[in-house]
Amino acid sequence: MFAKEAARRAAFVSAMLLMIGLAACGDDDPTSPQEEQLAKLRAAVLPFHDLTSAQQAGYTVVVAHPTSGATCISDPQLGAMGIHYLNTALVDDTVIVTQPELMIYEPQEDGTAKFVAVEYIIPFSIRGEDQPAPTLFGETFKQNETFGVWALHAWVGEDNPSGTFSDWNPDVSCANAQ
């Protein structure tokens, strides 16, 4: 009888110690600084999932590829980016997490536009291409020679199997672009 009671107590104490140990291993704030910034960005752009709201907020310039004239940017091997809407008032020498310079949308079969990503840019005319690359989210901007900008995408509207900060998304398409 004593052995059964001792075994039961030992099991209880072991279970409690395991739970305490697991609780101690948990982080009070399980999010990284990057995840916190992405959460702020997602909250800030939530109203712009609707293209009309984005346009009313100043995202009115549709960016066309300088050589092809395409407004929906895609690559047959890599996927697509979508249609970029620029807010020219935000283009300067700084980038702010909650104020991306561009909103990006994927054209849908029914003629609507689905919010997929944002892009941050600093033109080479403001920050020379020979200058150190800007960073945001702990990520380094890439030089986009075609458009003459430092650029960083953040796929916060559509998951990107290539990565949150990849340029191209294989799950996005320009097939419905007009």
N, C-alpha and C. Protein backbone atom coordinates (compact mmCIF):
# COMPACT_ATOMS: atom_id res chain seq x y z
N MET A 1 0.83 -1.19 0.00
CA MET A 1 0.00 0.00 0.00
C MET A 1 0.88 1.26 0.00
N PHE A 2 1.89 1.26 0.88
CA PHE A 2 2.79 2.39 0.95
C PHE A 2 3.52 2.59 -0.38
N ALA A 3 3.91 1.52 -1.03
CA ALA A 3 4.62 1.60 -2.30
C ALA A 3 3.73 2.20 -3.39
N LYS A 4 2.43 1.82 -3.40
CA LYS A 4 1.50 2.38 -4.40
C LYS A 4 1.33 3.88 -4.19
N GLU A 5 1.15 4.29 -2.94
CA GLU A 5 0.97 5.70 -2.63
C GLU A 5 2.23 6.49 -2.98
N ALA A 6 3.39 5.94 -2.69
CA ALA A 6 4.66 6.60 -3.00
C ALA A 6 4.82 6.72 -4.52
N ALA A 7 4.45 5.68 -5.25
CA ALA A 7 4.55 5.72 -6.71
C ALA A 7 3.60 6.76 -7.28
N ARG A 8 2.39 6.83 -6.74
CA ARG A 8 1.41 7.82 -7.21
C ARG A 8 1.92 9.24 -6.96
N ARG A 9 2.46 9.46 -5.73
CA ARG A 9 2.99 10.79 -5.41
C ARG A 9 4.19 11.13 -6.30
N ALA A 10 5.02 10.17 -6.54
CA ALA A 10 6.19 10.40 -7.38
C ALA A 10 5.75 10.76 -8.80
N ALA A 11 4.73 10.06 -9.30
CA ALA A 11 4.21 10.37 -10.64
C ALA A 11 3.63 11.77 -10.66
N PHE A 12 2.88 12.14 -9.61
CA PHE A 12 2.28 13.48 -9.53
C PHE A 12 3.37 14.55 -9.50
N VAL A 13 4.37 14.34 -8.65
CA VAL A 13 5.46 15.31 -8.53
C VAL A 13 6.21 15.41 -9.85
N SER A 14 6.45 14.29 -10.50
CA SER A 14 7.14 14.31 -11.80
C SER A 14 6.34 15.09 -12.83
N ALA A 15 5.02 14.86 -12.86
CA ALA A 15 4.16 15.58 -13.80
C ALA A 15 4.18 17.07 -13.51
N MET A 16 4.12 17.45 -12.25
CA MET A 16 4.16 18.87 -11.89
C MET A 16 5.49 19.50 -12.27
N LEU A 17 6.58 18.79 -11.99
CA LEU A 17 7.89 19.31 -12.35
C LEU A 17 8.03 19.47 -13.87
N LEU A 18 7.48 18.52 -14.62
CA LEU A 18 7.50 18.62 -16.08
C LEU A 18 6.72 19.84 -16.55
N MET A 19 5.54 20.06 -15.98
CA MET A 19 4.73 21.23 -16.38
C MET A 19 5.43 22.52 -16.01
N ILE A 20 6.05 22.57 -14.83
CA ILE A 20 6.78 23.77 -14.42
C ILE A 20 7.96 23.99 -15.35
N GLY A 21 8.66 22.91 -15.67
CA GLY A 21 9.80 23.02 -16.59
C GLY A 21 9.38 23.51 -17.96
N LEU A 22 8.27 22.98 -18.47
CA LEU A 22 7.79 23.43 -19.78
C LEU A 22 7.37 24.88 -19.74
N ALA A 23 6.72 25.29 -18.67
CA ALA A 23 6.31 26.69 -18.53
C ALA A 23 7.54 27.60 -18.46
N ALA A 24 8.56 27.15 -17.77
CA ALA A 24 9.77 27.96 -17.65
C ALA A 24 10.49 28.09 -18.98
N CYS A 25 10.38 27.07 -19.83
CA CYS A 25 11.02 27.12 -21.13
C CYS A 25 10.29 28.06 -22.08
N GLY A 26 9.02 28.30 -21.82
CA GLY A 26 8.25 29.19 -22.69
C GLY A 26 8.73 30.61 -22.55
N ASP A 27 8.66 31.35 -23.63
CA ASP A 27 9.07 32.74 -23.66
C ASP A 27 7.84 33.60 -23.39
N ASP A 28 7.99 34.60 -22.52
CA ASP A 28 6.86 35.48 -22.25
C ASP A 28 6.40 36.18 -23.53
N ASP A 29 7.33 36.47 -24.42
CA ASP A 29 7.03 37.11 -25.69
C ASP A 29 7.63 36.26 -26.80
N PRO A 30 6.82 35.34 -27.35
CA PRO A 30 7.37 34.38 -28.30
C PRO A 30 7.66 34.96 -29.69
N THR A 31 7.37 36.23 -29.91
CA THR A 31 7.58 36.79 -31.23
C THR A 31 8.93 37.49 -31.32
N SER A 32 9.54 37.37 -32.46
CA SER A 32 10.81 38.05 -32.72
C SER A 32 10.52 39.50 -33.10
N PRO A 33 11.54 40.35 -33.09
CA PRO A 33 11.33 41.73 -33.55
C PRO A 33 10.78 41.77 -34.98
N GLN A 34 11.27 40.87 -35.84
CA GLN A 34 10.77 40.83 -37.22
C GLN A 34 9.27 40.49 -37.24
N GLU A 35 8.86 39.50 -36.45
CA GLU A 35 7.45 39.13 -36.40
C GLU A 35 6.59 40.26 -35.86
N GLU A 36 7.12 41.00 -34.88
CA GLU A 36 6.39 42.16 -34.33
C GLU A 36 6.21 43.23 -35.41
N GLN A 37 7.27 43.50 -36.18
CA GLN A 37 7.18 44.50 -37.25
C GLN A 37 6.19 44.04 -38.33
N LEU A 38 6.24 42.77 -38.68
CA LEU A 38 5.30 42.25 -39.69
C LEU A 38 3.87 42.35 -39.20
N ALA A 39 3.64 42.12 -37.91
CA ALA A 39 2.29 42.26 -37.35
C ALA A 39 1.81 43.71 -37.43
N LYS A 40 2.70 44.65 -37.16
CA LYS A 40 2.36 46.08 -37.28
C LYS A 40 2.03 46.43 -38.72
N LEU A 41 2.83 45.90 -39.65
CA LEU A 41 2.57 46.15 -41.07
C LEU A 41 1.22 45.58 -41.48
N ARG A 42 0.95 44.33 -41.11
CA ARG A 42 -0.34 43.71 -41.48
C ARG A 42 -1.51 44.52 -40.96
N ALA A 43 -1.40 45.02 -39.73
CA ALA A 43 -2.48 45.84 -39.16
C ALA A 43 -2.62 47.16 -39.92
N ALA A 44 -1.49 47.77 -40.27
CA ALA A 44 -1.52 49.06 -40.96
C ALA A 44 -2.12 48.96 -42.35
N VAL A 45 -1.89 47.86 -43.05
CA VAL A 45 -2.36 47.74 -44.44
C VAL A 45 -3.70 47.02 -44.56
N LEU A 46 -4.26 46.59 -43.46
CA LEU A 46 -5.54 45.89 -43.50
C LEU A 46 -6.60 46.66 -44.27
N PRO A 47 -6.74 47.98 -44.09
CA PRO A 47 -7.74 48.71 -44.89
C PRO A 47 -7.46 48.67 -46.39
N PHE A 48 -6.19 48.45 -46.77
CA PHE A 48 -5.82 48.50 -48.17
C PHE A 48 -5.96 47.16 -48.88
N HIS A 49 -6.53 46.19 -48.19
CA HIS A 49 -6.87 44.94 -48.89
C HIS A 49 -7.92 45.26 -49.95
N ASP A 50 -8.64 46.33 -49.73
CA ASP A 50 -9.59 46.85 -50.71
C ASP A 50 -8.85 47.90 -51.55
N LEU A 51 -8.72 47.64 -52.83
CA LEU A 51 -7.97 48.53 -53.72
C LEU A 51 -8.51 49.96 -53.70
N THR A 52 -9.82 50.11 -53.66
CA THR A 52 -10.41 51.46 -53.64
C THR A 52 -9.93 52.24 -52.43
N SER A 53 -9.85 51.59 -51.28
CA SER A 53 -9.35 52.26 -50.07
C SER A 53 -7.89 52.67 -50.23
N ALA A 54 -7.10 51.80 -50.85
CA ALA A 54 -5.69 52.13 -51.10
C ALA A 54 -5.58 53.34 -52.02
N GLN A 55 -6.39 53.35 -53.07
CA GLN A 55 -6.36 54.48 -54.01
C GLN A 55 -6.78 55.77 -53.32
N GLN A 56 -7.77 55.71 -52.46
CA GLN A 56 -8.20 56.90 -51.73
C GLN A 56 -7.12 57.39 -50.78
N ALA A 57 -6.24 56.49 -50.35
CA ALA A 57 -5.15 56.86 -49.45
C ALA A 57 -3.89 57.31 -50.20
N GLY A 58 -3.96 57.37 -51.53
CA GLY A 58 -2.84 57.90 -52.31
C GLY A 58 -2.08 56.88 -53.14
N TYR A 59 -2.45 55.63 -53.10
CA TYR A 59 -1.79 54.61 -53.91
C TYR A 59 -2.46 54.58 -55.28
N THR A 60 -2.09 55.55 -56.11
CA THR A 60 -2.82 55.77 -57.37
C THR A 60 -2.00 55.56 -58.63
N VAL A 61 -0.68 55.54 -58.52
CA VAL A 61 0.16 55.42 -59.70
C VAL A 61 0.42 53.94 -59.98
N VAL A 62 -0.08 53.46 -61.12
CA VAL A 62 0.18 52.09 -61.53
C VAL A 62 1.55 52.06 -62.18
N VAL A 63 2.42 51.24 -61.64
CA VAL A 63 3.80 51.16 -62.14
C VAL A 63 3.86 50.16 -63.29
N ALA A 64 4.36 50.62 -64.42
CA ALA A 64 4.53 49.76 -65.59
C ALA A 64 6.01 49.42 -65.77
N HIS A 65 6.25 48.23 -66.28
CA HIS A 65 7.62 47.82 -66.57
C HIS A 65 8.19 48.79 -67.62
N PRO A 66 9.38 49.33 -67.42
CA PRO A 66 9.90 50.37 -68.32
C PRO A 66 10.16 49.91 -69.75
N THR A 67 10.38 48.64 -69.99
CA THR A 67 10.64 48.20 -71.37
C THR A 67 9.44 47.50 -71.99
N SER A 68 8.75 46.66 -71.24
CA SER A 68 7.62 45.92 -71.82
C SER A 68 6.30 46.68 -71.70
N GLY A 69 6.22 47.60 -70.76
CA GLY A 69 4.98 48.32 -70.52
C GLY A 69 3.96 47.54 -69.71
N ALA A 70 4.28 46.32 -69.33
CA ALA A 70 3.36 45.49 -68.55
C ALA A 70 3.10 46.12 -67.19
N THR A 71 1.84 46.11 -66.79
CA THR A 71 1.51 46.62 -65.46
C THR A 71 1.39 45.51 -64.43
N CYS A 72 1.24 44.29 -64.88
CA CYS A 72 1.29 43.13 -63.98
C CYS A 72 2.63 42.46 -64.22
N ILE A 73 3.48 42.52 -63.22
CA ILE A 73 4.86 42.06 -63.36
C ILE A 73 4.93 40.55 -63.07
N SER A 74 5.45 39.80 -64.06
CA SER A 74 5.56 38.34 -63.88
C SER A 74 6.81 37.81 -64.55
N ASP A 75 7.17 36.59 -64.19
CA ASP A 75 8.30 35.89 -64.77
C ASP A 75 7.86 34.44 -64.98
N PRO A 76 8.01 33.90 -66.18
CA PRO A 76 7.52 32.55 -66.45
C PRO A 76 8.11 31.47 -65.54
N GLN A 77 9.35 31.65 -65.10
CA GLN A 77 9.98 30.65 -64.24
C GLN A 77 9.75 30.89 -62.75
N LEU A 78 9.62 32.14 -62.35
CA LEU A 78 9.62 32.48 -60.93
C LEU A 78 8.24 32.77 -60.34
N GLY A 79 7.27 33.08 -61.18
CA GLY A 79 5.94 33.45 -60.69
C GLY A 79 5.63 34.89 -61.04
N ALA A 80 5.02 35.57 -60.12
CA ALA A 80 4.63 36.95 -60.39
C ALA A 80 4.78 37.80 -59.14
N MET A 81 4.68 39.09 -59.36
CA MET A 81 4.58 40.04 -58.26
C MET A 81 3.14 40.56 -58.23
N GLY A 82 2.64 40.95 -59.39
CA GLY A 82 1.31 41.52 -59.47
C GLY A 82 1.38 42.95 -59.97
N ILE A 83 0.30 43.69 -59.73
CA ILE A 83 0.19 45.09 -60.15
C ILE A 83 0.58 45.97 -58.97
N HIS A 84 1.53 46.87 -59.19
CA HIS A 84 2.06 47.74 -58.15
C HIS A 84 1.37 49.10 -58.20
N TYR A 85 0.87 49.54 -57.06
CA TYR A 85 0.26 50.87 -56.93
C TYR A 85 1.13 51.69 -56.00
N LEU A 86 1.68 52.78 -56.54
CA LEU A 86 2.64 53.62 -55.82
C LEU A 86 1.97 54.82 -55.19
N ASN A 87 2.39 55.13 -53.98
CA ASN A 87 2.00 56.38 -53.32
C ASN A 87 3.23 57.29 -53.37
N THR A 88 3.25 58.21 -54.32
CA THR A 88 4.43 59.05 -54.55
C THR A 88 4.78 59.92 -53.35
N ALA A 89 3.81 60.25 -52.51
CA ALA A 89 4.07 61.08 -51.33
C ALA A 89 4.96 60.36 -50.32
N LEU A 90 5.07 59.05 -50.43
CA LEU A 90 5.88 58.28 -49.48
C LEU A 90 7.30 58.01 -49.97
N VAL A 91 7.61 58.41 -51.20
CA VAL A 91 8.92 58.13 -51.77
C VAL A 91 9.91 59.19 -51.29
N ASP A 92 10.85 58.74 -50.45
CA ASP A 92 11.89 59.62 -49.93
C ASP A 92 13.08 58.76 -49.51
N ASP A 93 13.91 59.28 -48.61
CA ASP A 93 15.12 58.56 -48.23
C ASP A 93 14.94 57.66 -47.00
N THR A 94 13.70 57.48 -46.57
CA THR A 94 13.44 56.62 -45.42
C THR A 94 12.37 55.60 -45.75
N VAL A 95 12.39 54.53 -44.99
CA VAL A 95 11.31 53.54 -45.09
C VAL A 95 10.73 53.36 -43.69
N ILE A 96 9.43 53.31 -43.63
CA ILE A 96 8.71 53.15 -42.37
C ILE A 96 7.87 51.89 -42.48
N VAL A 97 7.99 51.02 -41.50
CA VAL A 97 7.31 49.72 -41.52
C VAL A 97 5.84 49.85 -41.89
N THR A 98 5.15 50.80 -41.30
CA THR A 98 3.70 50.92 -41.49
C THR A 98 3.30 51.78 -42.68
N GLN A 99 4.29 52.24 -43.46
CA GLN A 99 4.00 53.09 -44.62
C GLN A 99 4.77 52.65 -45.86
N PRO A 100 4.45 51.49 -46.39
CA PRO A 100 5.15 51.04 -47.61
C PRO A 100 4.82 51.96 -48.79
N GLU A 101 5.78 52.12 -49.67
CA GLU A 101 5.58 52.99 -50.82
C GLU A 101 4.63 52.38 -51.85
N LEU A 102 4.56 51.06 -51.92
CA LEU A 102 3.71 50.40 -52.92
C LEU A 102 2.83 49.33 -52.29
N MET A 103 1.60 49.23 -52.80
CA MET A 103 0.68 48.12 -52.51
C MET A 103 0.63 47.27 -53.77
N ILE A 104 0.63 45.96 -53.61
CA ILE A 104 0.66 45.06 -54.77
C ILE A 104 -0.57 44.15 -54.76
N TYR A 105 -1.18 44.03 -55.95
CA TYR A 105 -2.43 43.27 -56.09
C TYR A 105 -2.32 42.27 -57.23
N GLU A 106 -2.98 41.13 -57.04
CA GLU A 106 -3.07 40.11 -58.07
C GLU A 106 -4.42 40.24 -58.76
N PRO A 107 -4.44 40.38 -60.09
CA PRO A 107 -5.73 40.47 -60.80
C PRO A 107 -6.46 39.14 -60.73
N GLN A 108 -7.76 39.22 -60.44
CA GLN A 108 -8.59 38.03 -60.30
C GLN A 108 -9.44 37.82 -61.55
N GLU A 109 -9.93 36.62 -61.70
CA GLU A 109 -10.73 36.25 -62.88
C GLU A 109 -11.98 37.13 -63.02
N ASP A 110 -12.56 37.54 -61.88
CA ASP A 110 -13.79 38.34 -61.93
C ASP A 110 -13.52 39.84 -62.11
N GLY A 111 -12.25 40.21 -62.35
CA GLY A 111 -11.91 41.61 -62.59
C GLY A 111 -11.52 42.37 -61.34
N THR A 112 -11.63 41.76 -60.17
CA THR A 112 -11.23 42.42 -58.93
C THR A 112 -9.72 42.27 -58.74
N ALA A 113 -9.21 42.92 -57.72
CA ALA A 113 -7.79 42.86 -57.40
C ALA A 113 -7.63 42.36 -55.97
N LYS A 114 -6.81 41.33 -55.79
CA LYS A 114 -6.56 40.75 -54.48
C LYS A 114 -5.23 41.28 -53.94
N PHE A 115 -5.27 41.87 -52.74
CA PHE A 115 -4.05 42.36 -52.10
C PHE A 115 -3.13 41.17 -51.81
N VAL A 116 -1.85 41.28 -52.22
CA VAL A 116 -0.91 40.19 -51.97
C VAL A 116 0.35 40.62 -51.22
N ALA A 117 0.82 41.85 -51.43
CA ALA A 117 2.11 42.24 -50.85
C ALA A 117 2.27 43.76 -50.81
N VAL A 118 3.36 44.16 -50.20
CA VAL A 118 3.79 45.56 -50.24
C VAL A 118 5.22 45.58 -50.73
N GLU A 119 5.64 46.75 -51.15
CA GLU A 119 7.05 46.92 -51.52
C GLU A 119 7.52 48.26 -50.98
N TYR A 120 8.72 48.23 -50.45
CA TYR A 120 9.40 49.44 -49.97
C TYR A 120 10.46 49.78 -51.00
N ILE A 121 10.58 51.06 -51.32
CA ILE A 121 11.60 51.47 -52.28
C ILE A 121 12.28 52.77 -51.84
N ILE A 122 13.52 52.90 -52.26
CA ILE A 122 14.24 54.17 -52.21
C ILE A 122 14.94 54.30 -53.56
N PRO A 123 14.59 55.32 -54.35
CA PRO A 123 15.23 55.49 -55.67
C PRO A 123 16.73 55.74 -55.55
N PHE A 124 17.48 55.26 -56.53
CA PHE A 124 18.92 55.51 -56.58
C PHE A 124 19.21 57.01 -56.64
N SER A 125 18.28 57.80 -57.18
CA SER A 125 18.49 59.24 -57.24
C SER A 125 18.49 59.88 -55.85
N ILE A 126 17.93 59.17 -54.88
CA ILE A 126 17.91 59.66 -53.50
C ILE A 126 19.01 59.00 -52.68
N ARG A 127 19.14 57.70 -52.83
CA ARG A 127 20.19 56.94 -52.15
C ARG A 127 20.94 56.17 -53.23
N GLY A 128 22.10 56.66 -53.57
CA GLY A 128 22.86 56.11 -54.69
C GLY A 128 23.09 54.62 -54.60
N GLU A 129 23.17 54.01 -55.76
CA GLU A 129 23.39 52.56 -55.79
C GLU A 129 24.76 52.18 -55.26
N ASP A 130 25.65 53.17 -55.11
CA ASP A 130 26.96 52.90 -54.52
C ASP A 130 26.95 53.05 -53.00
N GLN A 131 25.81 53.42 -52.44
CA GLN A 131 25.66 53.58 -50.99
C GLN A 131 25.33 52.22 -50.36
N PRO A 132 25.51 52.11 -49.03
CA PRO A 132 25.12 50.86 -48.36
C PRO A 132 23.62 50.61 -48.54
N ALA A 133 23.27 49.35 -48.67
CA ALA A 133 21.87 48.97 -48.86
C ALA A 133 21.06 49.29 -47.60
N PRO A 134 19.85 49.83 -47.80
CA PRO A 134 18.97 50.02 -46.64
C PRO A 134 18.52 48.67 -46.09
N THR A 135 18.05 48.67 -44.86
CA THR A 135 17.51 47.46 -44.26
C THR A 135 16.17 47.78 -43.59
N LEU A 136 15.35 46.76 -43.49
CA LEU A 136 14.08 46.83 -42.79
C LEU A 136 13.70 45.40 -42.44
N PHE A 137 13.09 45.19 -41.31
CA PHE A 137 12.74 43.84 -40.84
C PHE A 137 14.00 42.99 -40.63
N GLY A 138 15.16 43.62 -40.55
CA GLY A 138 16.40 42.87 -40.48
C GLY A 138 16.81 42.30 -41.84
N GLU A 139 16.15 42.73 -42.89
CA GLU A 139 16.40 42.27 -44.26
C GLU A 139 17.08 43.38 -45.05
N THR A 140 17.99 43.01 -45.93
CA THR A 140 18.70 43.97 -46.76
C THR A 140 17.95 44.18 -48.08
N PHE A 141 17.76 45.43 -48.45
CA PHE A 141 17.13 45.76 -49.72
C PHE A 141 18.00 45.27 -50.88
N LYS A 142 17.36 44.97 -52.00
CA LYS A 142 18.07 44.56 -53.21
C LYS A 142 18.09 45.73 -54.19
N GLN A 143 19.13 45.77 -55.01
CA GLN A 143 19.17 46.77 -56.07
C GLN A 143 18.32 46.27 -57.23
N ASN A 144 17.36 47.10 -57.64
CA ASN A 144 16.56 46.78 -58.82
C ASN A 144 16.99 47.76 -59.91
N GLU A 145 17.90 47.30 -60.76
CA GLU A 145 18.47 48.13 -61.82
C GLU A 145 17.40 48.55 -62.83
N THR A 146 16.45 47.67 -63.10
CA THR A 146 15.42 47.96 -64.10
C THR A 146 14.63 49.21 -63.73
N PHE A 147 14.30 49.34 -62.45
CA PHE A 147 13.50 50.48 -62.00
C PHE A 147 14.34 51.56 -61.33
N GLY A 148 15.64 51.31 -61.12
CA GLY A 148 16.52 52.29 -60.49
C GLY A 148 16.21 52.55 -59.04
N VAL A 149 15.91 51.48 -58.30
CA VAL A 149 15.55 51.63 -56.89
C VAL A 149 16.19 50.53 -56.04
N TRP A 150 16.31 50.85 -54.75
CA TRP A 150 16.53 49.84 -53.73
C TRP A 150 15.13 49.32 -53.42
N ALA A 151 14.95 48.01 -53.29
CA ALA A 151 13.60 47.47 -53.12
C ALA A 151 13.57 46.31 -52.14
N LEU A 152 12.44 46.21 -51.42
CA LEU A 152 12.20 45.08 -50.53
C LEU A 152 10.70 44.78 -50.55
N HIS A 153 10.37 43.55 -50.95
CA HIS A 153 8.98 43.09 -50.92
C HIS A 153 8.68 42.46 -49.56
N ALA A 154 7.44 42.54 -49.15
CA ALA A 154 6.96 41.82 -47.96
C ALA A 154 5.60 41.24 -48.32
N TRP A 155 5.55 39.92 -48.43
CA TRP A 155 4.33 39.21 -48.81
C TRP A 155 3.47 39.02 -47.57
N VAL A 156 2.65 40.02 -47.28
CA VAL A 156 1.81 39.99 -46.07
C VAL A 156 0.33 39.79 -46.38
N GLY A 157 -0.01 39.69 -47.65
CA GLY A 157 -1.39 39.43 -48.04
C GLY A 157 -1.58 38.04 -48.61
N GLU A 158 -0.51 37.48 -49.13
CA GLU A 158 -0.53 36.15 -49.75
C GLU A 158 0.74 35.42 -49.30
N ASP A 159 0.58 34.22 -48.77
CA ASP A 159 1.77 33.44 -48.40
C ASP A 159 2.64 33.24 -49.63
N ASN A 160 3.93 33.24 -49.40
CA ASN A 160 4.88 33.05 -50.49
C ASN A 160 5.79 31.88 -50.14
N PRO A 161 5.66 30.76 -50.87
CA PRO A 161 6.52 29.62 -50.58
C PRO A 161 8.01 29.92 -50.80
N SER A 162 8.32 30.97 -51.53
CA SER A 162 9.71 31.36 -51.75
C SER A 162 10.26 32.21 -50.60
N GLY A 163 9.39 32.64 -49.70
CA GLY A 163 9.81 33.43 -48.54
C GLY A 163 9.09 34.76 -48.47
N THR A 164 8.90 35.25 -47.27
CA THR A 164 8.18 36.50 -47.03
C THR A 164 8.78 37.68 -47.78
N PHE A 165 10.10 37.69 -47.93
CA PHE A 165 10.78 38.85 -48.53
C PHE A 165 11.32 38.57 -49.93
N SER A 166 10.88 37.49 -50.53
CA SER A 166 11.30 37.16 -51.90
C SER A 166 10.66 38.13 -52.89
N ASP A 167 11.32 38.36 -54.01
CA ASP A 167 10.75 39.23 -55.04
C ASP A 167 9.55 38.60 -55.72
N TRP A 168 9.66 37.33 -56.05
CA TRP A 168 8.65 36.64 -56.85
C TRP A 168 7.86 35.65 -56.00
N ASN A 169 6.58 35.48 -56.34
CA ASN A 169 5.73 34.52 -55.65
C ASN A 169 5.20 33.53 -56.69
N PRO A 170 5.58 32.26 -56.59
CA PRO A 170 5.09 31.28 -57.58
C PRO A 170 3.60 31.01 -57.49
N ASP A 171 2.95 31.44 -56.41
CA ASP A 171 1.51 31.25 -56.26
C ASP A 171 0.68 32.43 -56.76
N VAL A 172 1.36 33.47 -57.24
CA VAL A 172 0.66 34.65 -57.77
C VAL A 172 0.79 34.61 -59.28
N SER A 173 -0.26 35.11 -59.95
CA SER A 173 -0.30 35.03 -61.42
C SER A 173 -0.79 36.35 -62.01
N CYS A 174 -0.35 36.60 -63.22
CA CYS A 174 -0.85 37.73 -64.00
C CYS A 174 -1.79 37.25 -65.10
N ALA A 175 -2.21 36.01 -65.03
CA ALA A 175 -3.06 35.41 -66.08
C ALA A 175 -4.34 36.21 -66.31
N ASN A 176 -4.83 36.87 -65.26
CA ASN A 176 -6.09 37.61 -65.40
C ASN A 176 -5.89 39.12 -65.59
N ALA A 177 -4.65 39.52 -65.86
CA ALA A 177 -4.38 40.93 -66.10
C ALA A 177 -5.01 41.36 -67.42
N GLN A 178 -5.47 42.58 -67.46
CA GLN A 178 -6.14 43.07 -68.69
C GLN A 178 -5.30 44.08 -69.40
